[in-house]
Every structure is written in C-alpha cells, then in structure tokens.
Protein backbone atom coordinates (compact mmCIF):
# COMPACT_ATOMS: atom_id res chain seq x y z
CA MET A 1 71.18 6.00 17.37
CA ASN A 2 67.92 8.20 18.71
CA ASP A 3 67.55 10.18 15.45
CA THR A 4 64.42 12.05 14.75
CA ILE A 5 63.28 14.47 12.04
CA THR A 6 60.21 16.15 11.55
CA VAL A 7 58.27 16.38 8.00
CA ARG A 8 55.53 17.69 7.12
CA GLY A 9 52.45 16.26 5.19
CA VAL A 10 49.16 16.09 4.76
CA VAL A 11 46.48 13.09 5.97
CA LEU A 12 44.67 12.12 3.46
CA GLN A 13 40.44 11.20 3.09
CA ASP A 14 41.49 7.58 3.38
CA GLY A 15 43.85 8.32 6.55
CA SER A 16 47.08 7.64 4.51
CA LEU A 17 50.45 10.34 5.04
CA ARG A 18 51.68 12.17 1.72
CA LEU A 19 55.06 13.77 3.24
CA ASP A 20 55.88 16.78 1.57
CA ALA A 21 59.93 15.28 1.48
CA PRO A 22 61.47 12.13 1.74
CA LEU A 23 63.16 10.37 4.65
CA THR A 24 66.71 11.27 5.95
CA LEU A 25 66.68 7.89 8.21
CA PRO A 26 68.26 5.08 7.17
CA PRO A 27 66.02 2.32 6.44
CA GLY A 28 64.64 0.16 8.95
CA GLU A 29 61.79 0.16 11.59
CA VAL A 30 60.95 3.87 12.97
CA GLU A 31 58.04 5.83 16.17
CA VAL A 32 55.33 7.60 14.36
CA SER A 33 53.56 10.63 15.69
CA ILE A 34 51.25 12.98 14.02
CA ARG A 35 50.58 16.08 15.13
CA SER A 36 48.22 18.76 13.54
CA ALA A 37 50.21 21.42 12.04
CA THR A 38 47.29 23.61 12.18
CA PRO A 39 45.11 23.58 15.57
CA GLY A 40 41.61 23.34 16.00
CA LYS A 41 41.29 22.74 11.88
CA GLY A 42 40.55 19.22 12.94
CA LYS A 43 37.70 20.08 14.39
CA GLU A 44 35.19 22.27 12.56
CA SER A 45 32.09 24.24 15.10
CA LEU A 46 28.25 23.07 14.68
CA LEU A 47 27.63 26.30 12.95
CA ASP A 48 30.42 25.39 10.11
CA TYR A 49 29.72 22.42 9.86
CA LEU A 50 25.92 23.38 8.89
CA GLU A 51 27.16 25.89 6.89
CA ARG A 52 29.10 23.69 5.32
CA ILE A 53 25.98 20.80 4.90
CA ARG A 54 23.75 23.75 3.15
CA ALA A 55 26.51 25.08 0.60
CA GLU A 56 27.01 21.04 -0.14
CA GLU A 57 23.12 20.85 -0.99
CA ALA A 58 23.12 23.69 -2.76
CA ALA A 59 26.08 23.05 -5.31
CA SER A 60 24.57 19.61 -5.67
CA GLY A 61 20.99 21.27 -6.88
CA TYR A 62 18.61 20.01 -3.64
CA VAL A 63 15.66 22.06 -3.14
CA PRO A 64 14.24 21.75 0.63
CA ARG A 65 10.39 21.43 1.27
CA SER A 66 8.75 24.42 2.00
CA ALA A 67 7.17 24.99 5.04
CA GLU A 68 3.78 24.25 3.27
CA GLU A 69 4.52 20.86 1.78
CA ILE A 70 5.86 19.96 5.26
CA GLN A 71 2.58 21.15 6.31
CA GLU A 72 0.85 19.61 4.20
CA GLN A 73 2.31 16.08 4.77
CA LEU A 74 1.97 16.50 8.65
CA ARG A 75 -1.97 16.87 7.84
CA GLN A 76 -1.96 13.75 6.02
CA ALA A 77 -0.50 12.01 8.37
CA ASP A 78 -2.53 13.15 11.35
CA GLU A 79 -5.36 11.68 9.05
CA ALA A 80 -4.41 8.67 8.32
CA TRP A 81 -3.60 8.47 11.93
CA GLU A 82 -7.89 9.58 12.92
CA ASP A 83 -8.78 7.11 9.77
CA ARG A 84 -6.97 3.87 12.09
CA GLY A 85 -8.16 5.18 14.90
CA ASP A 86 -12.07 5.00 12.86
CA ALA A 87 -11.27 1.71 11.84
C-alpha cells in the first residue's frame, strides 16, 4: 500500500520535528520527505544577518568600541612592536 499524507509542522532548534496534527497512517515503517513551507525563509541575506546580529547585541547591552578606542589600541600595538624592534 502506498498511502501518502501531508502534515504541516515545524523544525525545532534541536532539529526535531513537531507536527501540527496526528498521523493517520497505520503503525509501521514510513519514509519522510521534508520541504520548507516558506521557500527562501531558510536562508537570510547578509544584510538581514548583520541587522539581526546588531539587534541581538543591542538587546544584550553590548556597546561596541568607539573609533577613538580602536585607534588607541592600534597605536599601543604599534608602540609595542616598535619597542620589540628597539630591544
């Protein structure tokens, strides 16, 4: 017997599958094929990815270094290399 049913569901973070309805097939082995119900939703664009990262960082309270802080760190690193060269 080759019964085919379609049941919607959700793939969870851990990779498991939660179905929206019980299966109506008799007990036994089955073959499962998964297809996204929302094509294109599985991959986010680079811009969406960067926006999501920025939003997550802001929500966590993360404050990025200022340009001045970065310049100061680079200056200190340059000085350290110069000191090594002088030694």
